[in-house]
Amino acid sequence: MEVRLGHGVDQIDEEGIIVAGECISNQTVIWTASVAPSPTGKWLNAETDRAGRVRVQKDLTVPGYPEIFVVGDTASLDQDGKPLPGVAQVTMQQGSYAGRLIHRRVTGKSAPGPFCYFDKGNMTVVIKGFAVLQTGKIRLSGFPAWLAWAAVHLEFLAQAGLRVSVFVQWVWTGLTEQRGSQLIVNHCGAEREKAAADASHDAMASIK
């Protein structure tokens, strides 16, 4: 195993990856990433947790700044003695709560109670047509779970036109085994062709 620090992956295709201009042939590429919060805590000079997320109050405001709300991956809030996870449903519920609170302030109504996250469960896609789902005591896997995931995914898209576009693209991919947009390009192949062309040019120059 060789660890390379301080370098990002420039390109990925079906033959390997390009790191710092070097093409590394590989048939299996595993990509991982972590969530990094924005530097909001530094801007506000507010208390942050060890990950750099702003420690917010129960109404999602910054201590000392009742007019500033922080939600989602940038916010750190404990519930039942544990920090809330950095997942989409936490962000959506926090955003909805902040919107209601702001509306009540503007209209002169009393503020709602403190924010309380409700865990609706978890689902993830493993491969095409196969997913896993857990909500309460219900646990599903396989194609039924994938259908549930697809329905939830489409439901929470912002616009009806976008829902139709995504659904049509899924159908196209399922029928043709091809993506609607080509994202993978043969960058390694291009590097090899350029190297071969340079070598041929040098050989011809030597002969001359």
N, C-alpha and C. Protein backbone atom coordinates (compact mmCIF):
# COMPACT_ATOMS: atom_id res chain seq x y z
N MET A 1 0.85 -1.19 0.00
CA MET A 1 0.00 0.00 0.00
C MET A 1 0.89 1.24 0.00
N GLU A 2 0.54 2.18 -0.84
CA GLU A 2 1.27 3.44 -0.92
C GLU A 2 0.31 4.59 -0.62
N VAL A 3 0.65 5.39 0.38
CA VAL A 3 -0.19 6.53 0.78
C VAL A 3 0.44 7.80 0.23
N ARG A 4 -0.36 8.58 -0.48
CA ARG A 4 0.12 9.84 -1.04
C ARG A 4 -0.64 10.99 -0.39
N LEU A 5 0.09 11.80 0.32
CA LEU A 5 -0.52 12.92 1.02
C LEU A 5 -0.33 14.22 0.24
N GLY A 6 -1.25 15.11 0.39
CA GLY A 6 -1.12 16.43 -0.23
C GLY A 6 -1.45 16.46 -1.70
N HIS A 7 -2.10 15.41 -2.21
CA HIS A 7 -2.47 15.37 -3.62
C HIS A 7 -3.94 15.03 -3.76
N GLY A 8 -4.61 15.71 -4.66
CA GLY A 8 -5.98 15.39 -4.97
C GLY A 8 -6.08 14.58 -6.24
N VAL A 9 -7.17 13.87 -6.40
CA VAL A 9 -7.41 13.09 -7.62
C VAL A 9 -7.93 14.04 -8.68
N ASP A 10 -7.22 14.10 -9.81
CA ASP A 10 -7.61 15.02 -10.89
C ASP A 10 -8.74 14.44 -11.74
N GLN A 11 -8.61 13.18 -12.10
CA GLN A 11 -9.62 12.55 -12.96
C GLN A 11 -9.76 11.08 -12.58
N ILE A 12 -10.95 10.52 -12.91
CA ILE A 12 -11.22 9.10 -12.71
C ILE A 12 -11.92 8.58 -13.94
N ASP A 13 -11.48 7.44 -14.47
CA ASP A 13 -12.20 6.81 -15.57
C ASP A 13 -12.17 5.30 -15.36
N GLU A 14 -12.62 4.54 -16.38
CA GLU A 14 -12.75 3.10 -16.22
C GLU A 14 -11.41 2.37 -16.15
N GLU A 15 -10.30 3.05 -16.45
CA GLU A 15 -9.00 2.40 -16.43
C GLU A 15 -8.13 2.79 -15.24
N GLY A 16 -8.56 3.77 -14.48
CA GLY A 16 -7.77 4.17 -13.33
C GLY A 16 -8.00 5.62 -12.95
N ILE A 17 -7.00 6.21 -12.31
CA ILE A 17 -7.11 7.59 -11.84
C ILE A 17 -5.86 8.36 -12.23
N ILE A 18 -5.98 9.69 -12.23
CA ILE A 18 -4.85 10.57 -12.47
C ILE A 18 -4.64 11.39 -11.20
N VAL A 19 -3.45 11.24 -10.62
CA VAL A 19 -3.09 11.97 -9.41
C VAL A 19 -1.83 12.77 -9.69
N ALA A 20 -1.91 14.07 -9.52
CA ALA A 20 -0.78 14.97 -9.75
C ALA A 20 -0.16 14.75 -11.11
N GLY A 21 -1.02 14.54 -12.11
CA GLY A 21 -0.55 14.37 -13.48
C GLY A 21 -0.12 12.96 -13.84
N GLU A 22 -0.08 12.05 -12.87
CA GLU A 22 0.34 10.67 -13.11
C GLU A 22 -0.89 9.76 -13.22
N CYS A 23 -0.94 8.94 -14.26
CA CYS A 23 -2.04 8.01 -14.45
C CYS A 23 -1.72 6.69 -13.76
N ILE A 24 -2.58 6.29 -12.81
CA ILE A 24 -2.40 5.06 -12.06
C ILE A 24 -3.49 4.08 -12.50
N SER A 25 -3.10 3.01 -13.18
CA SER A 25 -4.07 2.04 -13.68
C SER A 25 -4.66 1.24 -12.52
N ASN A 26 -5.98 1.14 -12.51
CA ASN A 26 -6.65 0.43 -11.44
C ASN A 26 -8.07 0.13 -11.87
N GLN A 27 -8.52 -1.09 -11.64
CA GLN A 27 -9.87 -1.47 -12.02
C GLN A 27 -10.89 -1.21 -10.91
N THR A 28 -10.40 -0.99 -9.70
CA THR A 28 -11.30 -0.74 -8.56
C THR A 28 -10.89 0.55 -7.88
N VAL A 29 -11.79 1.50 -7.83
CA VAL A 29 -11.55 2.79 -7.17
C VAL A 29 -12.59 2.98 -6.09
N ILE A 30 -12.15 3.18 -4.86
CA ILE A 30 -13.04 3.41 -3.73
C ILE A 30 -12.90 4.86 -3.30
N TRP A 31 -14.00 5.59 -3.30
CA TRP A 31 -13.99 7.01 -2.96
C TRP A 31 -14.72 7.23 -1.65
N THR A 32 -14.12 7.97 -0.75
CA THR A 32 -14.77 8.30 0.52
C THR A 32 -14.62 9.79 0.77
N ALA A 33 -15.52 10.34 1.56
CA ALA A 33 -15.44 11.76 1.89
C ALA A 33 -16.08 11.99 3.25
N SER A 34 -15.70 13.07 3.87
CA SER A 34 -16.30 13.45 5.14
C SER A 34 -17.01 14.78 4.97
N VAL A 35 -17.78 15.16 5.98
CA VAL A 35 -18.52 16.42 5.93
C VAL A 35 -17.70 17.49 6.65
N ALA A 36 -17.43 18.59 5.96
CA ALA A 36 -16.69 19.70 6.56
C ALA A 36 -17.63 20.90 6.66
N PRO A 37 -17.82 21.43 7.86
CA PRO A 37 -18.71 22.58 8.01
C PRO A 37 -18.09 23.85 7.44
N SER A 38 -18.93 24.83 7.17
CA SER A 38 -18.42 26.12 6.73
C SER A 38 -17.76 26.83 7.92
N PRO A 39 -16.91 27.82 7.64
CA PRO A 39 -16.22 28.51 8.75
C PRO A 39 -17.09 29.54 9.45
N THR A 40 -18.39 29.27 9.57
CA THR A 40 -19.30 30.22 10.21
C THR A 40 -18.90 30.53 11.65
N GLY A 41 -18.46 29.51 12.37
CA GLY A 41 -18.06 29.72 13.75
C GLY A 41 -16.97 30.76 13.89
N LYS A 42 -16.02 30.77 12.94
CA LYS A 42 -14.94 31.75 12.99
C LYS A 42 -15.47 33.14 12.68
N TRP A 43 -16.39 33.25 11.71
CA TRP A 43 -16.94 34.56 11.37
C TRP A 43 -17.63 35.18 12.58
N LEU A 44 -18.39 34.33 13.31
CA LEU A 44 -19.18 34.83 14.43
C LEU A 44 -18.43 34.84 15.74
N ASN A 45 -17.25 34.23 15.73
CA ASN A 45 -16.49 34.06 16.98
C ASN A 45 -17.34 33.33 18.01
N ALA A 46 -18.07 32.32 17.53
CA ALA A 46 -18.98 31.56 18.37
C ALA A 46 -18.34 30.25 18.81
N GLU A 47 -18.93 29.65 19.83
CA GLU A 47 -18.44 28.36 20.33
C GLU A 47 -18.70 27.28 19.29
N THR A 48 -17.73 26.41 19.08
CA THR A 48 -17.86 25.32 18.12
C THR A 48 -17.48 24.01 18.78
N ASP A 49 -17.91 22.91 18.16
CA ASP A 49 -17.48 21.60 18.64
C ASP A 49 -16.15 21.25 17.99
N ARG A 50 -15.65 20.06 18.24
CA ARG A 50 -14.32 19.69 17.74
C ARG A 50 -14.29 19.57 16.22
N ALA A 51 -15.47 19.43 15.58
CA ALA A 51 -15.53 19.35 14.12
C ALA A 51 -15.66 20.73 13.48
N GLY A 52 -15.80 21.77 14.29
CA GLY A 52 -15.92 23.12 13.76
C GLY A 52 -17.35 23.58 13.55
N ARG A 53 -18.32 22.79 14.01
CA ARG A 53 -19.72 23.18 13.86
C ARG A 53 -20.14 24.11 14.99
N VAL A 54 -21.01 25.06 14.67
CA VAL A 54 -21.43 26.06 15.65
C VAL A 54 -22.37 25.43 16.67
N ARG A 55 -22.09 25.64 17.95
CA ARG A 55 -22.97 25.16 19.02
C ARG A 55 -24.17 26.10 19.11
N VAL A 56 -25.34 25.60 18.73
CA VAL A 56 -26.54 26.44 18.71
C VAL A 56 -27.42 26.13 19.92
N GLN A 57 -28.35 27.05 20.18
CA GLN A 57 -29.30 26.86 21.27
C GLN A 57 -30.48 26.01 20.79
N LYS A 58 -31.40 25.75 21.70
CA LYS A 58 -32.53 24.86 21.39
C LYS A 58 -33.44 25.42 20.29
N ASP A 59 -33.38 26.75 20.07
CA ASP A 59 -34.18 27.33 18.98
C ASP A 59 -33.34 27.54 17.73
N LEU A 60 -32.16 26.91 17.68
CA LEU A 60 -31.25 26.92 16.52
C LEU A 60 -30.59 28.27 16.29
N THR A 61 -30.63 29.16 17.27
CA THR A 61 -29.95 30.44 17.13
C THR A 61 -28.58 30.36 17.79
N VAL A 62 -27.72 31.29 17.39
CA VAL A 62 -26.37 31.37 17.96
C VAL A 62 -26.45 32.12 19.29
N PRO A 63 -25.83 31.61 20.34
CA PRO A 63 -25.84 32.32 21.62
C PRO A 63 -25.35 33.76 21.47
N GLY A 64 -26.17 34.69 21.92
CA GLY A 64 -25.82 36.10 21.80
C GLY A 64 -26.27 36.74 20.51
N TYR A 65 -26.75 35.93 19.57
CA TYR A 65 -27.22 36.44 18.28
C TYR A 65 -28.58 35.83 17.96
N PRO A 66 -29.65 36.30 18.58
CA PRO A 66 -30.97 35.70 18.37
C PRO A 66 -31.49 35.86 16.95
N GLU A 67 -30.88 36.74 16.17
CA GLU A 67 -31.32 36.94 14.79
C GLU A 67 -30.60 36.03 13.80
N ILE A 68 -29.66 35.22 14.28
CA ILE A 68 -28.87 34.35 13.40
C ILE A 68 -29.21 32.89 13.70
N PHE A 69 -29.65 32.18 12.67
CA PHE A 69 -29.95 30.76 12.78
C PHE A 69 -28.88 29.96 12.05
N VAL A 70 -28.49 28.85 12.62
CA VAL A 70 -27.55 27.94 11.98
C VAL A 70 -28.18 26.55 11.98
N VAL A 71 -28.28 25.93 10.79
CA VAL A 71 -28.91 24.62 10.68
C VAL A 71 -28.04 23.70 9.83
N GLY A 72 -28.38 22.43 9.86
CA GLY A 72 -27.71 21.46 8.99
C GLY A 72 -26.32 21.07 9.46
N ASP A 73 -25.43 20.81 8.49
CA ASP A 73 -24.09 20.31 8.80
C ASP A 73 -23.23 21.33 9.53
N THR A 74 -23.64 22.60 9.51
CA THR A 74 -22.85 23.63 10.19
C THR A 74 -23.25 23.79 11.65
N ALA A 75 -24.37 23.19 12.04
CA ALA A 75 -24.88 23.35 13.40
C ALA A 75 -24.58 22.12 14.24
N SER A 76 -24.32 22.35 15.52
CA SER A 76 -24.11 21.27 16.48
C SER A 76 -25.13 21.42 17.60
N LEU A 77 -25.99 20.41 17.74
CA LEU A 77 -27.03 20.45 18.76
C LEU A 77 -27.21 19.06 19.34
N ASP A 78 -27.20 18.96 20.65
CA ASP A 78 -27.38 17.67 21.32
C ASP A 78 -28.85 17.43 21.62
N GLN A 79 -29.24 16.18 21.48
CA GLN A 79 -30.60 15.77 21.85
C GLN A 79 -30.50 14.41 22.52
N ASP A 80 -31.08 14.28 23.68
CA ASP A 80 -30.99 13.05 24.47
C ASP A 80 -29.55 12.69 24.77
N GLY A 81 -28.73 13.72 24.95
CA GLY A 81 -27.34 13.49 25.32
C GLY A 81 -26.42 13.14 24.17
N LYS A 82 -26.94 13.16 22.93
CA LYS A 82 -26.12 12.81 21.77
C LYS A 82 -26.26 13.89 20.70
N PRO A 83 -25.18 14.19 19.96
CA PRO A 83 -25.29 15.18 18.88
C PRO A 83 -26.15 14.64 17.74
N LEU A 84 -26.92 15.52 17.14
CA LEU A 84 -27.75 15.12 16.01
C LEU A 84 -26.86 14.78 14.82
N PRO A 85 -27.23 13.74 14.05
CA PRO A 85 -26.40 13.32 12.93
C PRO A 85 -26.46 14.31 11.77
N GLY A 86 -25.42 14.34 10.97
CA GLY A 86 -25.38 15.23 9.81
C GLY A 86 -26.03 14.59 8.61
N VAL A 87 -27.35 14.41 8.67
CA VAL A 87 -28.09 13.81 7.56
C VAL A 87 -29.14 14.79 7.06
N ALA A 88 -29.69 14.49 5.88
CA ALA A 88 -30.59 15.43 5.21
C ALA A 88 -31.85 15.70 6.02
N GLN A 89 -32.41 14.67 6.65
CA GLN A 89 -33.68 14.90 7.34
C GLN A 89 -33.52 15.81 8.56
N VAL A 90 -32.35 15.81 9.18
CA VAL A 90 -32.10 16.76 10.27
C VAL A 90 -32.11 18.19 9.72
N THR A 91 -31.42 18.39 8.61
CA THR A 91 -31.36 19.72 7.99
C THR A 91 -32.74 20.19 7.58
N MET A 92 -33.53 19.32 6.98
CA MET A 92 -34.86 19.69 6.52
C MET A 92 -35.77 20.07 7.68
N GLN A 93 -35.72 19.30 8.75
CA GLN A 93 -36.56 19.62 9.91
C GLN A 93 -36.10 20.90 10.60
N GLN A 94 -34.78 21.11 10.67
CA GLN A 94 -34.28 22.34 11.26
C GLN A 94 -34.65 23.55 10.42
N GLY A 95 -34.55 23.43 9.11
CA GLY A 95 -34.91 24.54 8.23
C GLY A 95 -36.38 24.89 8.35
N SER A 96 -37.23 23.86 8.44
CA SER A 96 -38.67 24.08 8.60
C SER A 96 -38.96 24.78 9.93
N TYR A 97 -38.28 24.34 10.98
CA TYR A 97 -38.48 24.94 12.31
C TYR A 97 -38.05 26.41 12.30
N ALA A 98 -36.87 26.68 11.73
CA ALA A 98 -36.38 28.06 11.68
C ALA A 98 -37.34 28.95 10.90
N GLY A 99 -37.90 28.43 9.80
CA GLY A 99 -38.86 29.20 9.02
C GLY A 99 -40.11 29.53 9.82
N ARG A 100 -40.62 28.54 10.58
CA ARG A 100 -41.81 28.78 11.40
C ARG A 100 -41.52 29.81 12.50
N LEU A 101 -40.35 29.70 13.10
CA LEU A 101 -39.99 30.63 14.18
C LEU A 101 -39.88 32.06 13.65
N ILE A 102 -39.23 32.22 12.51
CA ILE A 102 -39.10 33.55 11.91
C ILE A 102 -40.48 34.12 11.57
N HIS A 103 -41.35 33.30 11.00
CA HIS A 103 -42.70 33.75 10.66
C HIS A 103 -43.47 34.20 11.91
N ARG A 104 -43.33 33.46 13.01
CA ARG A 104 -44.02 33.83 14.25
C ARG A 104 -43.47 35.14 14.81
N ARG A 105 -42.18 35.33 14.69
CA ARG A 105 -41.60 36.59 15.16
C ARG A 105 -42.13 37.77 14.35
N VAL A 106 -42.17 37.61 13.03
CA VAL A 106 -42.60 38.70 12.16
C VAL A 106 -44.07 39.03 12.39
N THR A 107 -44.88 38.01 12.62
CA THR A 107 -46.32 38.23 12.80
C THR A 107 -46.70 38.51 14.24
N GLY A 108 -45.71 38.56 15.13
CA GLY A 108 -45.98 38.91 16.51
C GLY A 108 -46.58 37.78 17.33
N LYS A 109 -46.46 36.56 16.88
CA LYS A 109 -47.00 35.43 17.61
C LYS A 109 -45.95 34.87 18.57
N SER A 110 -46.39 34.06 19.50
CA SER A 110 -45.46 33.46 20.47
C SER A 110 -44.57 32.44 19.77
N ALA A 111 -43.37 32.31 20.29
CA ALA A 111 -42.41 31.39 19.68
C ALA A 111 -42.81 29.94 19.96
N PRO A 112 -42.51 29.03 19.03
CA PRO A 112 -42.79 27.62 19.28
C PRO A 112 -41.85 27.05 20.33
N GLY A 113 -42.09 25.84 20.75
CA GLY A 113 -41.20 25.19 21.71
C GLY A 113 -39.85 24.92 21.09
N PRO A 114 -38.92 24.43 21.88
CA PRO A 114 -37.58 24.15 21.36
C PRO A 114 -37.61 23.10 20.25
N PHE A 115 -36.60 23.16 19.39
CA PHE A 115 -36.53 22.21 18.28
C PHE A 115 -36.35 20.79 18.81
N CYS A 116 -37.09 19.86 18.24
CA CYS A 116 -36.98 18.45 18.61
C CYS A 116 -36.95 17.62 17.33
N TYR A 117 -35.87 16.92 17.13
CA TYR A 117 -35.71 16.12 15.91
C TYR A 117 -36.47 14.81 16.03
N PHE A 118 -37.21 14.48 14.96
CA PHE A 118 -37.93 13.21 14.90
C PHE A 118 -37.27 12.33 13.84
N ASP A 119 -36.72 11.21 14.29
CA ASP A 119 -36.02 10.30 13.39
C ASP A 119 -37.04 9.45 12.63
N LYS A 120 -37.14 9.67 11.32
CA LYS A 120 -38.08 8.93 10.49
C LYS A 120 -37.51 7.62 9.99
N GLY A 121 -36.24 7.36 10.25
CA GLY A 121 -35.62 6.13 9.80
C GLY A 121 -34.49 6.42 8.83
N ASN A 122 -33.94 5.37 8.28
CA ASN A 122 -32.81 5.48 7.36
C ASN A 122 -33.02 4.58 6.16
N MET A 123 -32.52 5.03 5.03
CA MET A 123 -32.55 4.20 3.83
C MET A 123 -31.36 4.57 2.95
N THR A 124 -30.87 3.57 2.24
CA THR A 124 -29.76 3.81 1.34
C THR A 124 -29.80 2.80 0.20
N VAL A 125 -29.28 3.20 -0.95
CA VAL A 125 -29.21 2.32 -2.12
C VAL A 125 -27.88 1.59 -2.10
N VAL A 126 -27.93 0.28 -2.28
CA VAL A 126 -26.73 -0.54 -2.35
C VAL A 126 -26.27 -0.67 -3.80
N ILE A 127 -27.14 -1.17 -4.65
CA ILE A 127 -26.92 -1.23 -6.09
C ILE A 127 -28.24 -0.90 -6.77
N LYS A 128 -28.23 -0.84 -8.09
CA LYS A 128 -29.45 -0.54 -8.81
C LYS A 128 -30.53 -1.58 -8.51
N GLY A 129 -31.68 -1.11 -8.05
CA GLY A 129 -32.79 -2.00 -7.77
C GLY A 129 -32.71 -2.69 -6.42
N PHE A 130 -31.73 -2.33 -5.60
CA PHE A 130 -31.58 -2.95 -4.28
C PHE A 130 -31.22 -1.88 -3.26
N ALA A 131 -32.03 -1.78 -2.23
CA ALA A 131 -31.79 -0.80 -1.17
C ALA A 131 -32.12 -1.42 0.17
N VAL A 132 -31.77 -0.74 1.22
CA VAL A 132 -32.12 -1.18 2.57
C VAL A 132 -32.86 -0.03 3.25
N LEU A 133 -33.84 -0.36 4.07
CA LEU A 133 -34.70 0.63 4.72
C LEU A 133 -34.96 0.21 6.15
N GLN A 134 -34.89 1.18 7.06
CA GLN A 134 -35.20 0.93 8.47
C GLN A 134 -35.95 2.11 9.02
N THR A 135 -37.14 1.89 9.53
CA THR A 135 -37.92 2.92 10.18
C THR A 135 -38.69 2.29 11.33
N GLY A 136 -38.35 2.65 12.54
CA GLY A 136 -38.96 2.01 13.70
C GLY A 136 -38.61 0.53 13.73
N LYS A 137 -39.62 -0.32 13.82
CA LYS A 137 -39.41 -1.76 13.82
C LYS A 137 -39.46 -2.35 12.41
N ILE A 138 -39.73 -1.53 11.42
CA ILE A 138 -39.83 -2.01 10.03
C ILE A 138 -38.45 -2.03 9.40
N ARG A 139 -38.11 -3.17 8.82
CA ARG A 139 -36.86 -3.31 8.10
C ARG A 139 -37.11 -4.00 6.77
N LEU A 140 -36.71 -3.37 5.70
CA LEU A 140 -36.89 -3.91 4.35
C LEU A 140 -35.56 -3.89 3.62
N SER A 141 -35.44 -4.79 2.67
CA SER A 141 -34.27 -4.80 1.80
C SER A 141 -34.68 -5.32 0.43
N GLY A 142 -33.86 -5.01 -0.56
CA GLY A 142 -34.16 -5.48 -1.90
C GLY A 142 -34.94 -4.46 -2.71
N PHE A 143 -35.70 -4.97 -3.70
CA PHE A 143 -36.42 -4.10 -4.62
C PHE A 143 -37.53 -3.29 -3.95
N PRO A 144 -38.32 -3.87 -3.03
CA PRO A 144 -39.33 -3.05 -2.35
C PRO A 144 -38.73 -1.85 -1.63
N ALA A 145 -37.59 -2.04 -0.98
CA ALA A 145 -36.93 -0.93 -0.30
C ALA A 145 -36.45 0.10 -1.31
N TRP A 146 -36.00 -0.37 -2.48
CA TRP A 146 -35.55 0.55 -3.52
C TRP A 146 -36.70 1.39 -4.04
N LEU A 147 -37.88 0.78 -4.20
CA LEU A 147 -39.06 1.53 -4.64
C LEU A 147 -39.42 2.60 -3.61
N ALA A 148 -39.34 2.25 -2.33
CA ALA A 148 -39.63 3.22 -1.28
C ALA A 148 -38.62 4.37 -1.32
N TRP A 149 -37.34 4.04 -1.50
CA TRP A 149 -36.31 5.07 -1.60
C TRP A 149 -36.59 5.99 -2.79
N ALA A 150 -36.93 5.40 -3.94
CA ALA A 150 -37.19 6.20 -5.14
C ALA A 150 -38.38 7.13 -4.92
N ALA A 151 -39.43 6.63 -4.29
CA ALA A 151 -40.62 7.45 -4.04
C ALA A 151 -40.29 8.63 -3.13
N VAL A 152 -39.53 8.36 -2.06
CA VAL A 152 -39.15 9.43 -1.13
C VAL A 152 -38.26 10.44 -1.82
N HIS A 153 -37.31 9.94 -2.61
CA HIS A 153 -36.38 10.83 -3.32
C HIS A 153 -37.14 11.77 -4.25
N LEU A 154 -38.06 11.24 -5.03
CA LEU A 154 -38.84 12.06 -5.95
C LEU A 154 -39.74 13.04 -5.21
N GLU A 155 -40.31 12.61 -4.09
CA GLU A 155 -41.23 13.44 -3.34
C GLU A 155 -40.56 14.71 -2.83
N PHE A 156 -39.29 14.60 -2.45
CA PHE A 156 -38.62 15.75 -1.84
C PHE A 156 -37.84 16.60 -2.83
N LEU A 157 -37.92 16.30 -4.13
CA LEU A 157 -37.35 17.21 -5.11
C LEU A 157 -38.20 18.47 -5.18
N ALA A 158 -37.55 19.60 -5.40
CA ALA A 158 -38.22 20.89 -5.21
C ALA A 158 -39.30 21.18 -6.25
N GLN A 159 -39.10 20.77 -7.50
CA GLN A 159 -40.01 21.16 -8.57
C GLN A 159 -40.59 19.94 -9.26
N ALA A 160 -41.84 20.09 -9.74
CA ALA A 160 -42.49 18.99 -10.44
C ALA A 160 -41.74 18.62 -11.71
N GLY A 161 -41.25 19.63 -12.42
CA GLY A 161 -40.49 19.36 -13.64
C GLY A 161 -39.23 18.56 -13.36
N LEU A 162 -38.60 18.83 -12.23
CA LEU A 162 -37.40 18.10 -11.86
C LEU A 162 -37.74 16.66 -11.51
N ARG A 163 -38.88 16.43 -10.88
CA ARG A 163 -39.31 15.07 -10.57
C ARG A 163 -39.50 14.27 -11.85
N VAL A 164 -40.15 14.88 -12.84
CA VAL A 164 -40.38 14.20 -14.11
C VAL A 164 -39.05 13.91 -14.80
N SER A 165 -38.14 14.88 -14.78
CA SER A 165 -36.85 14.71 -15.44
C SER A 165 -36.05 13.57 -14.82
N VAL A 166 -36.01 13.53 -13.48
CA VAL A 166 -35.27 12.47 -12.79
C VAL A 166 -35.91 11.11 -13.04
N PHE A 167 -37.25 11.05 -13.00
CA PHE A 167 -37.95 9.78 -13.24
C PHE A 167 -37.67 9.26 -14.65
N VAL A 168 -37.74 10.15 -15.64
CA VAL A 168 -37.47 9.73 -17.02
C VAL A 168 -36.04 9.24 -17.17
N GLN A 169 -35.11 9.90 -16.50
CA GLN A 169 -33.71 9.48 -16.58
C GLN A 169 -33.52 8.11 -15.94
N TRP A 170 -34.21 7.86 -14.82
CA TRP A 170 -34.14 6.53 -14.20
C TRP A 170 -34.68 5.46 -15.13
N VAL A 171 -35.81 5.74 -15.77
CA VAL A 171 -36.40 4.76 -16.70
C VAL A 171 -35.45 4.50 -17.85
N TRP A 172 -34.86 5.56 -18.39
CA TRP A 172 -33.92 5.41 -19.50
C TRP A 172 -32.72 4.56 -19.10
N THR A 173 -32.19 4.84 -17.91
CA THR A 173 -31.04 4.07 -17.43
C THR A 173 -31.41 2.60 -17.22
N GLY A 174 -32.61 2.35 -16.69
CA GLY A 174 -33.03 0.97 -16.45
C GLY A 174 -33.25 0.18 -17.73
N LEU A 175 -33.74 0.85 -18.77
CA LEU A 175 -34.03 0.15 -20.03
C LEU A 175 -32.80 -0.02 -20.91
N THR A 176 -31.92 0.96 -20.90
CA THR A 176 -30.79 0.95 -21.84
C THR A 176 -29.45 0.65 -21.19
N GLU A 177 -29.41 0.64 -19.83
CA GLU A 177 -28.15 0.46 -19.10
C GLU A 177 -27.16 1.58 -19.40
N GLN A 178 -27.66 2.72 -19.85
CA GLN A 178 -26.82 3.87 -20.16
C GLN A 178 -27.33 5.08 -19.39
N ARG A 179 -26.41 5.92 -19.00
CA ARG A 179 -26.78 7.14 -18.30
C ARG A 179 -27.24 8.19 -19.30
N GLY A 180 -28.08 9.09 -18.81
CA GLY A 180 -28.55 10.16 -19.68
C GLY A 180 -27.45 11.13 -20.04
N SER A 181 -26.45 11.28 -19.20
CA SER A 181 -25.31 12.15 -19.48
C SER A 181 -24.03 11.36 -19.22
N GLN A 182 -23.09 11.49 -20.14
CA GLN A 182 -21.84 10.75 -20.02
C GLN A 182 -20.90 11.51 -19.09
N LEU A 183 -20.57 10.91 -17.94
CA LEU A 183 -19.73 11.57 -16.97
C LEU A 183 -18.30 11.04 -16.96
N ILE A 184 -18.10 9.81 -17.42
CA ILE A 184 -16.78 9.20 -17.38
C ILE A 184 -16.11 9.35 -18.74
N VAL A 185 -14.95 9.92 -18.77
CA VAL A 185 -14.21 10.09 -20.01
C VAL A 185 -12.86 9.41 -19.88
N ASN A 186 -12.25 9.05 -20.99
CA ASN A 186 -11.03 8.25 -20.98
C ASN A 186 -9.80 9.16 -20.86
N HIS A 187 -9.64 9.74 -19.67
CA HIS A 187 -8.50 10.63 -19.48
C HIS A 187 -7.18 9.85 -19.46
N CYS A 188 -7.19 8.67 -18.86
CA CYS A 188 -5.96 7.86 -18.85
C CYS A 188 -5.58 7.49 -20.27
N GLY A 189 -6.58 7.15 -21.09
CA GLY A 189 -6.31 6.81 -22.48
C GLY A 189 -5.70 7.97 -23.22
N ALA A 190 -6.20 9.18 -22.93
CA ALA A 190 -5.66 10.37 -23.57
C ALA A 190 -4.21 10.58 -23.17
N GLU A 191 -3.91 10.32 -21.88
CA GLU A 191 -2.53 10.47 -21.42
C GLU A 191 -1.61 9.48 -22.14
N ARG A 192 -2.09 8.23 -22.32
CA ARG A 192 -1.26 7.21 -22.98
C ARG A 192 -1.06 7.55 -24.46
N GLU A 193 -2.14 8.05 -25.10
CA GLU A 193 -2.01 8.42 -26.51
C GLU A 193 -1.03 9.57 -26.69
N LYS A 194 -1.06 10.54 -25.78
CA LYS A 194 -0.13 11.66 -25.86
C LYS A 194 1.30 11.19 -25.67
N ALA A 195 1.49 10.27 -24.68
CA ALA A 195 2.84 9.75 -24.44
C ALA A 195 3.36 8.99 -25.65
N ALA A 196 2.47 8.18 -26.29
CA ALA A 196 2.87 7.42 -27.47
C ALA A 196 3.21 8.36 -28.62
N ALA A 197 2.42 9.43 -28.77
CA ALA A 197 2.69 10.39 -29.84
C ALA A 197 4.01 11.10 -29.63
N ASP A 198 4.31 11.46 -28.38
CA ASP A 198 5.58 12.12 -28.08
C ASP A 198 6.75 11.19 -28.35
N ALA A 199 6.59 9.90 -27.97
CA ALA A 199 7.67 8.94 -28.20
C ALA A 199 7.91 8.75 -29.69
N SER A 200 6.82 8.69 -30.48
CA SER A 200 6.95 8.54 -31.92
C SER A 200 7.64 9.75 -32.54
N HIS A 201 7.30 10.94 -32.06
CA HIS A 201 7.90 12.17 -32.56
C HIS A 201 9.39 12.20 -32.26
N ASP A 202 9.76 11.76 -31.01
CA ASP A 202 11.18 11.75 -30.64
C ASP A 202 11.96 10.74 -31.50
N ALA A 203 11.31 9.58 -31.80
CA ALA A 203 11.97 8.57 -32.62
C ALA A 203 12.21 9.10 -34.03
N MET A 204 11.25 9.77 -34.60
CA MET A 204 11.40 10.34 -35.94
C MET A 204 12.48 11.42 -35.95
N ALA A 205 12.54 12.21 -34.86
CA ALA A 205 13.57 13.24 -34.78
C ALA A 205 14.94 12.61 -34.73
N SER A 206 15.08 11.46 -34.03
CA SER A 206 16.37 10.79 -33.93
C SER A 206 16.81 10.24 -35.28
N ILE A 207 15.82 9.70 -36.04
CA ILE A 207 16.15 9.15 -37.35
C ILE A 207 16.62 10.24 -38.28
N LYS A 208 15.96 11.40 -38.21
CA LYS A 208 16.39 12.52 -39.07
C LYS A 208 17.77 12.98 -38.69
